[in-house]
Amino acid sequence: MKTFTMHSDTGHGWLEVSIQEARQALLDTSDFSQFSFMRGEKLYLEEDCDATLFIRCWEHHVGPVTITEKYSHYDHWIRALTRIKVDIFIDDEILF
């Protein structure tokens, strides 16, 4: 059983995983939204969608998960990290 840390503050939460752990779950940074963050080899996956996706994939491909929680009464330092970028290409020209 693998233990991951959920960091949270008064407004939101993020699951801490490494890029390698994401790969073990058959996920890549492109699978996550712009609401998640990264620093070095660590990803901080927003709690609503990205963390849930990761946990489901981890449990399916690797095994059971437990979560420990770290809470901050102030804005969490994770909020100041670089967001995971999602490239979205919008083509405003329609070709017929």
PDB file of N, CA and C in Angstrom:
ATOM      1  N   MET A   1       0.846  -1.172   0.000  1.00  0.00           N
ATOM      2  CA  MET A   1       0.000   0.000   0.000  1.00  0.00           C
ATOM      3  C   MET A   1       0.896   1.240   0.000  1.00  0.00           C
ATOM      4  N   LYS A   2       0.568   2.182  -0.874  1.00  0.00           N
ATOM      5  CA  LYS A   2       1.345   3.408  -1.013  1.00  0.00           C
ATOM      6  C   LYS A   2       0.636   4.560  -0.306  1.00  0.00           C
ATOM      7  N   THR A   3       1.420   5.370   0.420  1.00  0.00           N
ATOM      8  CA  THR A   3       0.866   6.530   1.115  1.00  0.00           C
ATOM      9  C   THR A   3       1.272   7.803   0.388  1.00  0.00           C
ATOM     10  N   PHE A   4       0.285   8.645   0.100  1.00  0.00           N
ATOM     11  CA  PHE A   4       0.499   9.943  -0.524  1.00  0.00           C
ATOM     12  C   PHE A   4       0.043  11.024   0.439  1.00  0.00           C
ATOM     13  N   THR A   5       0.569  12.237   0.262  1.00  0.00           N
ATOM     14  CA  THR A   5       0.219  13.362   1.125  1.00  0.00           C
ATOM     15  C   THR A   5      -0.714  14.320   0.407  1.00  0.00           C
ATOM     16  N   MET A   6      -1.807  14.670   1.087  1.00  0.00           N
ATOM     17  CA  MET A   6      -2.739  15.691   0.608  1.00  0.00           C
ATOM     18  C   MET A   6      -2.475  16.960   1.393  1.00  0.00           C
ATOM     19  N   HIS A   7      -2.001  17.991   0.698  1.00  0.00           N
ATOM     20  CA  HIS A   7      -1.769  19.298   1.303  1.00  0.00           C
ATOM     21  C   HIS A   7      -3.041  20.116   1.115  1.00  0.00           C
ATOM     22  N   SER A   8      -3.440  20.882   2.121  1.00  0.00           N
ATOM     23  CA  SER A   8      -4.629  21.716   1.958  1.00  0.00           C
ATOM     24  C   SER A   8      -4.530  22.976   2.802  1.00  0.00           C
ATOM     25  N   ASP A   9      -5.323  23.972   2.385  1.00  0.00           N
ATOM     26  CA  ASP A   9      -5.483  25.191   3.172  1.00  0.00           C
ATOM     27  C   ASP A   9      -6.983  25.453   3.287  1.00  0.00           C
ATOM     28  N   THR A  10      -7.368  26.632   3.685  1.00  0.00           N
ATOM     29  CA  THR A  10      -8.787  26.911   3.898  1.00  0.00           C
ATOM     30  C   THR A  10      -9.613  26.869   2.625  1.00  0.00           C
ATOM     31  N   GLY A  11      -8.966  26.929   1.459  1.00  0.00           N
ATOM     32  CA  GLY A  11      -9.722  26.979   0.217  1.00  0.00           C
ATOM     33  C   GLY A  11      -9.599  25.785  -0.705  1.00  0.00           C
ATOM     34  N   HIS A  12      -8.510  25.030  -0.615  1.00  0.00           N
ATOM     35  CA  HIS A  12      -8.326  23.962  -1.595  1.00  0.00           C
ATOM     36  C   HIS A  12      -7.300  22.946  -1.094  1.00  0.00           C
ATOM     37  N   GLY A  13      -7.111  21.872  -1.892  1.00  0.00           N
ATOM     38  CA  GLY A  13      -6.153  20.836  -1.546  1.00  0.00           C
ATOM     39  C   GLY A  13      -5.456  20.291  -2.772  1.00  0.00           C
ATOM     40  N   TRP A  14      -4.255  19.725  -2.550  1.00  0.00           N
ATOM     41  CA  TRP A  14      -3.439  19.188  -3.629  1.00  0.00           C
ATOM     42  C   TRP A  14      -2.760  17.898  -3.165  1.00  0.00           C
ATOM     43  N   LEU A  15      -2.815  16.888  -3.996  1.00  0.00           N
ATOM     44  CA  LEU A  15      -2.161  15.621  -3.713  1.00  0.00           C
ATOM     45  C   LEU A  15      -0.738  15.672  -4.253  1.00  0.00           C
ATOM     46  N   GLU A  16       0.242  15.384  -3.410  1.00  0.00           N
ATOM     47  CA  GLU A  16       1.653  15.403  -3.805  1.00  0.00           C
ATOM     48  C   GLU A  16       2.055  14.048  -4.362  1.00  0.00           C
ATOM     49  N   VAL A  17       2.516  14.040  -5.606  1.00  0.00           N
ATOM     50  CA  VAL A  17       3.027  12.823  -6.244  1.00  0.00           C
ATOM     51  C   VAL A  17       4.248  13.207  -7.070  1.00  0.00           C
ATOM     52  N   SER A  18       5.082  12.249  -7.348  1.00  0.00           N
ATOM     53  CA  SER A  18       6.226  12.521  -8.216  1.00  0.00           C
ATOM     54  C   SER A  18       5.834  12.264  -9.671  1.00  0.00           C
ATOM     55  N   ILE A  19       6.605  12.820 -10.570  1.00  0.00           N
ATOM     56  CA  ILE A  19       6.367  12.558 -11.993  1.00  0.00           C
ATOM     57  C   ILE A  19       6.509  11.061 -12.257  1.00  0.00           C
ATOM     58  N   GLN A  20       7.477  10.421 -11.603  1.00  0.00           N
ATOM     59  CA  GLN A  20       7.672   8.982 -11.763  1.00  0.00           C
ATOM     60  C   GLN A  20       6.445   8.201 -11.297  1.00  0.00           C
ATOM     61  N   GLU A  21       5.850   8.623 -10.187  1.00  0.00           N
ATOM     62  CA  GLU A  21       4.638   7.945  -9.703  1.00  0.00           C
ATOM     63  C   GLU A  21       3.484   8.145 -10.682  1.00  0.00           C
ATOM     64  N   ALA A  22       3.379   9.319 -11.272  1.00  0.00           N
ATOM     65  CA  ALA A  22       2.349   9.543 -12.286  1.00  0.00           C
ATOM     66  C   ALA A  22       2.562   8.585 -13.453  1.00  0.00           C
ATOM     67  N   ARG A  23       3.803   8.408 -13.862  1.00  0.00           N
ATOM     68  CA  ARG A  23       4.108   7.479 -14.958  1.00  0.00           C
ATOM     69  C   ARG A  23       3.767   6.035 -14.586  1.00  0.00           C
ATOM     70  N   GLN A  24       4.013   5.673 -13.321  1.00  0.00           N
ATOM     71  CA  GLN A  24       3.642   4.327 -12.873  1.00  0.00           C
ATOM     72  C   GLN A  24       2.136   4.103 -12.988  1.00  0.00           C
ATOM     73  N   ALA A  25       1.369   5.182 -12.815  1.00  0.00           N
ATOM     74  CA  ALA A  25      -0.087   5.102 -12.928  1.00  0.00           C
ATOM     75  C   ALA A  25      -0.540   5.276 -14.376  1.00  0.00           C
ATOM     76  N   LEU A  26       0.438   5.279 -15.294  1.00  0.00           N
ATOM     77  CA  LEU A  26       0.207   5.441 -16.734  1.00  0.00           C
ATOM     78  C   LEU A  26      -0.394   6.805 -17.079  1.00  0.00           C
ATOM     79  N   LEU A  27       0.082   7.844 -16.364  1.00  0.00           N
ATOM     80  CA  LEU A  27      -0.347   9.218 -16.606  1.00  0.00           C
ATOM     81  C   LEU A  27       0.861  10.091 -16.896  1.00  0.00           C
ATOM     82  N   ASP A  28       0.612  11.209 -17.549  1.00  0.00           N
ATOM     83  CA  ASP A  28       1.640  12.187 -17.871  1.00  0.00           C
ATOM     84  C   ASP A  28       1.129  13.558 -17.441  1.00  0.00           C
ATOM     85  N   THR A  29       2.012  14.541 -17.353  1.00  0.00           N
ATOM     86  CA  THR A  29       1.571  15.873 -16.948  1.00  0.00           C
ATOM     87  C   THR A  29       0.480  16.419 -17.857  1.00  0.00           C
ATOM     88  N   SER A  30       0.459  16.001 -19.101  1.00  0.00           N
ATOM     89  CA  SER A  30      -0.577  16.474 -20.026  1.00  0.00           C
ATOM     90  C   SER A  30      -1.966  15.944 -19.670  1.00  0.00           C
ATOM     91  N   ASP A  31      -2.044  14.950 -18.787  1.00  0.00           N
ATOM     92  CA  ASP A  31      -3.336  14.411 -18.353  1.00  0.00           C
ATOM     93  C   ASP A  31      -3.989  15.263 -17.265  1.00  0.00           C
ATOM     94  N   PHE A  32      -3.249  16.238 -16.734  1.00  0.00           N
ATOM     95  CA  PHE A  32      -3.748  17.035 -15.624  1.00  0.00           C
ATOM     96  C   PHE A  32      -4.093  18.451 -16.064  1.00  0.00           C
ATOM     97  N   SER A  33      -4.946  19.092 -15.276  1.00  0.00           N
ATOM     98  CA  SER A  33      -5.440  20.429 -15.613  1.00  0.00           C
ATOM     99  C   SER A  33      -4.456  21.526 -15.213  1.00  0.00           C
ATOM    100  N   GLN A  34      -4.774  22.735 -15.651  1.00  0.00           N
ATOM    101  CA  GLN A  34      -3.974  23.900 -15.288  1.00  0.00           C
ATOM    102  C   GLN A  34      -4.185  24.311 -13.832  1.00  0.00           C
ATOM    103  N   PHE A  35      -5.029  23.599 -13.107  1.00  0.00           N
ATOM    104  CA  PHE A  35      -5.279  23.898 -11.701  1.00  0.00           C
ATOM    105  C   PHE A  35      -4.350  23.126 -10.771  1.00  0.00           C
ATOM    106  N   SER A  36      -3.474  22.321 -11.358  1.00  0.00           N
ATOM    107  CA  SER A  36      -2.456  21.607 -10.596  1.00  0.00           C
ATOM    108  C   SER A  36      -1.116  22.311 -10.781  1.00  0.00           C
ATOM    109  N   PHE A  37      -0.182  22.006  -9.886  1.00  0.00           N
ATOM    110  CA  PHE A  37       1.103  22.699  -9.876  1.00  0.00           C
ATOM    111  C   PHE A  37       2.254  21.709  -9.925  1.00  0.00           C
ATOM    112  N   MET A  38       3.452  22.230 -10.228  1.00  0.00           N
ATOM    113  CA  MET A  38       4.636  21.384 -10.214  1.00  0.00           C
ATOM    114  C   MET A  38       5.850  22.178  -9.737  1.00  0.00           C
ATOM    115  N   ARG A  39       6.784  21.427  -9.141  1.00  0.00           N
ATOM    116  CA  ARG A  39       8.088  21.971  -8.757  1.00  0.00           C
ATOM    117  C   ARG A  39       9.083  20.830  -8.861  1.00  0.00           C
ATOM    118  N   GLY A  40      10.053  20.989  -9.739  1.00  0.00           N
ATOM    119  CA  GLY A  40      11.031  19.931  -9.943  1.00  0.00           C
ATOM    120  C   GLY A  40      10.344  18.661 -10.406  1.00  0.00           C
ATOM    121  N   GLU A  41      10.574  17.580  -9.697  1.00  0.00           N
ATOM    122  CA  GLU A  41       9.985  16.282 -10.033  1.00  0.00           C
ATOM    123  C   GLU A  41       8.682  16.003  -9.296  1.00  0.00           C
ATOM    124  N   LYS A  42       8.163  16.999  -8.578  1.00  0.00           N
ATOM    125  CA  LYS A  42       6.931  16.818  -7.801  1.00  0.00           C
ATOM    126  C   LYS A  42       5.748  17.496  -8.473  1.00  0.00           C
ATOM    127  N   LEU A  43       4.622  16.810  -8.448  1.00  0.00           N
ATOM    128  CA  LEU A  43       3.355  17.351  -8.923  1.00  0.00           C
ATOM    129  C   LEU A  43       2.444  17.533  -7.721  1.00  0.00           C
ATOM    130  N   TYR A  44       1.651  18.592  -7.748  1.00  0.00           N
ATOM    131  CA  TYR A  44       0.672  18.859  -6.692  1.00  0.00           C
ATOM    132  C   TYR A  44      -0.681  18.928  -7.384  1.00  0.00           C
ATOM    133  N   LEU A  45      -1.399  17.817  -7.358  1.00  0.00           N
ATOM    134  CA  LEU A  45      -2.612  17.630  -8.152  1.00  0.00           C
ATOM    135  C   LEU A  45      -3.829  18.149  -7.400  1.00  0.00           C
ATOM    136  N   GLU A  46      -4.567  19.064  -8.042  1.00  0.00           N
ATOM    137  CA  GLU A  46      -5.742  19.649  -7.388  1.00  0.00           C
ATOM    138  C   GLU A  46      -6.710  18.544  -7.009  1.00  0.00           C
ATOM    139  N   GLU A  47      -7.379  18.761  -5.882  1.00  0.00           N
ATOM    140  CA  GLU A  47      -8.144  17.692  -5.241  1.00  0.00           C
ATOM    141  C   GLU A  47      -9.396  17.259  -5.977  1.00  0.00           C
ATOM    142  N   ASP A  48     -10.026  18.142  -6.753  1.00  0.00           N
ATOM    143  CA  ASP A  48     -11.337  17.824  -7.321  1.00  0.00           C
ATOM    144  C   ASP A  48     -11.288  16.807  -8.461  1.00  0.00           C
ATOM    145  N   CYS A  49     -10.437  17.048  -9.431  1.00  0.00           N
ATOM    146  CA  CYS A  49     -10.398  16.146 -10.599  1.00  0.00           C
ATOM    147  C   CYS A  49      -9.065  15.424 -10.752  1.00  0.00           C
ATOM    148  N   ASP A  50      -7.963  16.181 -10.728  1.00  0.00           N
ATOM    149  CA  ASP A  50      -6.658  15.591 -11.022  1.00  0.00           C
ATOM    150  C   ASP A  50      -6.228  14.552  -9.985  1.00  0.00           C
ATOM    151  N   ALA A  51      -6.415  14.851  -8.717  1.00  0.00           N
ATOM    152  CA  ALA A  51      -6.045  13.884  -7.674  1.00  0.00           C
ATOM    153  C   ALA A  51      -6.905  12.626  -7.768  1.00  0.00           C
ATOM    154  N   THR A  52      -8.186  12.825  -8.043  1.00  0.00           N
ATOM    155  CA  THR A  52      -9.095  11.681  -8.184  1.00  0.00           C
ATOM    156  C   THR A  52      -8.683  10.810  -9.361  1.00  0.00           C
ATOM    157  N   LEU A  53      -8.342  11.446 -10.481  1.00  0.00           N
ATOM    158  CA  LEU A  53      -7.867  10.701 -11.657  1.00  0.00           C
ATOM    159  C   LEU A  53      -6.625   9.901 -11.301  1.00  0.00           C
ATOM    160  N   PHE A  54      -5.658  10.555 -10.653  1.00  0.00           N
ATOM    161  CA  PHE A  54      -4.425   9.866 -10.290  1.00  0.00           C
ATOM    162  C   PHE A  54      -4.703   8.668  -9.386  1.00  0.00           C
ATOM    163  N   ILE A  55      -5.495   8.878  -8.340  1.00  0.00           N
ATOM    164  CA  ILE A  55      -5.771   7.789  -7.383  1.00  0.00           C
ATOM    165  C   ILE A  55      -6.452   6.612  -8.079  1.00  0.00           C
ATOM    166  N   ARG A  56      -7.425   6.885  -8.920  1.00  0.00           N
ATOM    167  CA  ARG A  56      -8.103   5.792  -9.643  1.00  0.00           C
ATOM    168  C   ARG A  56      -7.132   5.022 -10.530  1.00  0.00           C
ATOM    169  N   CYS A  57      -6.277   5.759 -11.258  1.00  0.00           N
ATOM    170  CA  CYS A  57      -5.306   5.090 -12.138  1.00  0.00           C
ATOM    171  C   CYS A  57      -4.260   4.325 -11.338  1.00  0.00           C
ATOM    172  N   TRP A  58      -3.796   4.912 -10.229  1.00  0.00           N
ATOM    173  CA  TRP A  58      -2.811   4.220  -9.383  1.00  0.00           C
ATOM    174  C   TRP A  58      -3.398   2.915  -8.855  1.00  0.00           C
ATOM    175  N   GLU A  59      -4.615   2.994  -8.311  1.00  0.00           N
ATOM    176  CA  GLU A  59      -5.231   1.800  -7.745  1.00  0.00           C
ATOM    177  C   GLU A  59      -5.483   0.738  -8.813  1.00  0.00           C
ATOM    178  N   HIS A  60      -5.810   1.160 -10.019  1.00  0.00           N
ATOM    179  CA  HIS A  60      -6.067   0.208 -11.104  1.00  0.00           C
ATOM    180  C   HIS A  60      -4.777  -0.458 -11.587  1.00  0.00           C
ATOM    181  N   HIS A  61      -3.701   0.321 -11.721  1.00  0.00           N
ATOM    182  CA  HIS A  61      -2.470  -0.191 -12.320  1.00  0.00           C
ATOM    183  C   HIS A  61      -1.408  -0.627 -11.311  1.00  0.00           C
ATOM    184  N   VAL A  62      -1.450  -0.075 -10.090  1.00  0.00           N
ATOM    185  CA  VAL A  62      -0.372  -0.348  -9.134  1.00  0.00           C
ATOM    186  C   VAL A  62      -0.883  -1.021  -7.868  1.00  0.00           C
ATOM    187  N   GLY A  63      -1.829  -0.393  -7.178  1.00  0.00           N
ATOM    188  CA  GLY A  63      -2.323  -0.986  -5.935  1.00  0.00           C
ATOM    189  C   GLY A  63      -3.017   0.027  -5.044  1.00  0.00           C
ATOM    190  N   PRO A  64      -3.339  -0.382  -3.824  1.00  0.00           N
ATOM    191  CA  PRO A  64      -4.085   0.464  -2.887  1.00  0.00           C
ATOM    192  C   PRO A  64      -3.325   1.729  -2.479  1.00  0.00           C
ATOM    193  N   VAL A  65      -4.101   2.729  -2.075  1.00  0.00           N
ATOM    194  CA  VAL A  65      -3.576   4.038  -1.676  1.00  0.00           C
ATOM    195  C   VAL A  65      -4.095   4.396  -0.296  1.00  0.00           C
ATOM    196  N   THR A  66      -3.247   5.033   0.506  1.00  0.00           N
ATOM    197  CA  THR A  66      -3.694   5.710   1.719  1.00  0.00           C
ATOM    198  C   THR A  66      -3.245   7.166   1.596  1.00  0.00           C
ATOM    199  N   ILE A  67      -3.972   8.044   2.278  1.00  0.00           N
ATOM    200  CA  ILE A  67      -3.702   9.474   2.198  1.00  0.00           C
ATOM    201  C   ILE A  67      -3.429  10.011   3.598  1.00  0.00           C
ATOM    202  N   THR A  68      -2.333  10.754   3.742  1.00  0.00           N
ATOM    203  CA  THR A  68      -2.100  11.521   4.958  1.00  0.00           C
ATOM    204  C   THR A  68      -2.373  12.984   4.617  1.00  0.00           C
ATOM    205  N   GLU A  69      -2.808  13.737   5.608  1.00  0.00           N
ATOM    206  CA  GLU A  69      -3.176  15.130   5.348  1.00  0.00           C
ATOM    207  C   GLU A  69      -2.267  16.089   6.092  1.00  0.00           C
ATOM    208  N   LYS A  70      -1.895  17.173   5.391  1.00  0.00           N
ATOM    209  CA  LYS A  70      -1.155  18.283   5.986  1.00  0.00           C
ATOM    210  C   LYS A  70      -1.947  19.544   5.709  1.00  0.00           C
ATOM    211  N   TYR A  71      -2.389  20.193   6.776  1.00  0.00           N
ATOM    212  CA  TYR A  71      -3.276  21.347   6.648  1.00  0.00           C
ATOM    213  C   TYR A  71      -2.558  22.631   7.057  1.00  0.00           C
ATOM    214  N   SER A  72      -2.822  23.708   6.300  1.00  0.00           N
ATOM    215  CA  SER A  72      -2.301  25.030   6.623  1.00  0.00           C
ATOM    216  C   SER A  72      -3.471  25.976   6.871  1.00  0.00           C
ATOM    217  N   HIS A  73      -3.377  26.773   7.921  1.00  0.00           N
ATOM    218  CA  HIS A  73      -4.427  27.753   8.215  1.00  0.00           C
ATOM    219  C   HIS A  73      -4.297  28.997   7.335  1.00  0.00           C
ATOM    220  N   TYR A  74      -3.222  29.082   6.588  1.00  0.00           N
ATOM    221  CA  TYR A  74      -2.940  30.231   5.716  1.00  0.00           C
ATOM    222  C   TYR A  74      -2.885  29.756   4.272  1.00  0.00           C
ATOM    223  N   ASP A  75      -2.807  30.699   3.315  1.00  0.00           N
ATOM    224  CA  ASP A  75      -2.635  30.295   1.920  1.00  0.00           C
ATOM    225  C   ASP A  75      -1.416  29.387   1.817  1.00  0.00           C
ATOM    226  N   HIS A  76      -1.604  28.261   1.201  1.00  0.00           N
ATOM    227  CA  HIS A  76      -0.544  27.258   1.112  1.00  0.00           C
ATOM    228  C   HIS A  76       0.529  27.703   0.136  1.00  0.00           C
ATOM    229  N   TRP A  77       1.785  27.325   0.409  1.00  0.00           N
ATOM    230  CA  TRP A  77       2.903  27.680  -0.462  1.00  0.00           C
ATOM    231  C   TRP A  77       2.754  27.067  -1.851  1.00  0.00           C
ATOM    232  N   ILE A  78       1.961  26.033  -1.977  1.00  0.00           N
ATOM    233  CA  ILE A  78       1.753  25.400  -3.287  1.00  0.00           C
ATOM    234  C   ILE A  78       1.140  26.389  -4.269  1.00  0.00           C
ATOM    235  N   ARG A  79       0.312  27.308  -3.783  1.00  0.00           N
ATOM    236  CA  ARG A  79      -0.345  28.294  -4.646  1.00  0.00           C
ATOM    237  C   ARG A  79       0.652  29.162  -5.425  1.00  0.00           C
ATOM    238  N   ALA A  80       1.883  29.280  -4.938  1.00  0.00           N
ATOM    239  CA  ALA A  80       2.895  30.111  -5.576  1.00  0.00           C
ATOM    240  C   ALA A  80       3.744  29.337  -6.591  1.00  0.00           C
ATOM    241  N   LEU A  81       3.499  28.044  -6.737  1.00  0.00           N
ATOM    242  CA  LEU A  81       4.298  27.231  -7.663  1.00  0.00           C
ATOM    243  C   LEU A  81       3.838  27.426  -9.105  1.00  0.00           C
ATOM    244  N   THR A  82       4.618  26.867 -10.019  1.00  0.00           N
ATOM    245  CA  THR A  82       4.296  26.898 -11.438  1.00  0.00           C
ATOM    246  C   THR A  82       3.135  25.958 -11.723  1.00  0.00           C
ATOM    247  N   ARG A  83       2.155  26.466 -12.448  1.00  0.00           N
ATOM    248  CA  ARG A  83       1.017  25.627 -12.824  1.00  0.00           C
ATOM    249  C   ARG A  83       1.430  24.644 -13.920  1.00  0.00           C
ATOM    250  N   ILE A  84       0.785  23.486 -13.907  1.00  0.00           N
ATOM    251  CA  ILE A  84       0.972  22.543 -15.005  1.00  0.00           C
ATOM    252  C   ILE A  84       0.287  23.160 -16.220  1.00  0.00           C
ATOM    253  N   LYS A  85       1.030  23.283 -17.271  1.00  0.00           N
ATOM    254  CA  LYS A  85       0.480  23.917 -18.483  1.00  0.00           C
ATOM    255  C   LYS A  85      -0.241  22.877 -19.325  1.00  0.00           C
ATOM    256  N   VAL A  86      -1.389  23.281 -19.823  1.00  0.00           N
ATOM    257  CA  VAL A  86      -2.141  22.434 -20.739  1.00  0.00           C
ATOM    258  C   VAL A  86      -2.211  23.183 -22.054  1.00  0.00           C
ATOM    259  N   ASP A  87      -1.607  22.624 -23.072  1.00  0.00           N
ATOM    260  CA  ASP A  87      -1.645  23.266 -24.378  1.00  0.00           C
ATOM    261  C   ASP A  87      -2.993  23.014 -25.021  1.00  0.00           C
ATOM    262  N   ILE A  88      -3.683  24.096 -25.289  1.00  0.00           N
ATOM    263  CA  ILE A  88      -4.976  24.017 -25.967  1.00  0.00           C
ATOM    264  C   ILE A  88      -4.857  24.818 -27.241  1.00  0.00           C
ATOM    265  N   PHE A  89      -5.051  24.174 -28.339  1.00  0.00           N
ATOM    266  CA  PHE A  89      -4.968  24.849 -29.617  1.00  0.00           C
ATOM    267  C   PHE A  89      -6.378  25.104 -30.120  1.00  0.00           C
ATOM    268  N   ILE A  90      -6.674  26.368 -30.336  1.00  0.00           N
ATOM    269  CA  ILE A  90      -7.984  26.735 -30.839  1.00  0.00           C
ATOM    270  C   ILE A  90      -7.782  27.292 -32.235  1.00  0.00           C
ATOM    271  N   ASP A  91      -8.412  26.666 -33.183  1.00  0.00           N
ATOM    272  CA  ASP A  91      -8.308  27.101 -34.568  1.00  0.00           C
ATOM    273  C   ASP A  91      -9.581  27.860 -34.895  1.00  0.00           C
ATOM    274  N   ASP A  92      -9.453  29.163 -35.102  1.00  0.00           N
ATOM    275  CA  ASP A  92     -10.637  29.965 -35.365  1.00  0.00           C
ATOM    276  C   ASP A  92     -10.981  30.033 -36.848  1.00  0.00           C
ATOM    277  N   GLU A  93     -10.253  29.294 -37.658  1.00  0.00           N
ATOM    278  CA  GLU A  93     -10.541  29.243 -39.082  1.00  0.00           C
ATOM    279  C   GLU A  93     -11.144  27.890 -39.421  1.00  0.00           C
ATOM    280  N   ILE A  94     -12.268  27.920 -40.085  1.00  0.00           N
ATOM    281  CA  ILE A  94     -12.929  26.685 -40.496  1.00  0.00           C
ATOM    282  C   ILE A  94     -12.699  26.506 -41.980  1.00  0.00           C
ATOM    283  N   LEU A  95     -12.140  25.375 -42.337  1.00  0.00           N
ATOM    284  CA  LEU A  95     -11.874  25.090 -43.748  1.00  0.00           C
ATOM    285  C   LEU A  95     -12.910  24.100 -44.268  1.00  0.00           C
ATOM    286  N   PHE A  96     -13.469  24.409 -45.429  1.00  0.00           N
ATOM    287  CA  PHE A  96     -14.438  23.516 -46.066  1.00  0.00           C
ATOM    288  C   PHE A  96     -13.881  22.965 -47.336  1.00  0.00           C
TER     289      PHE A  96
END
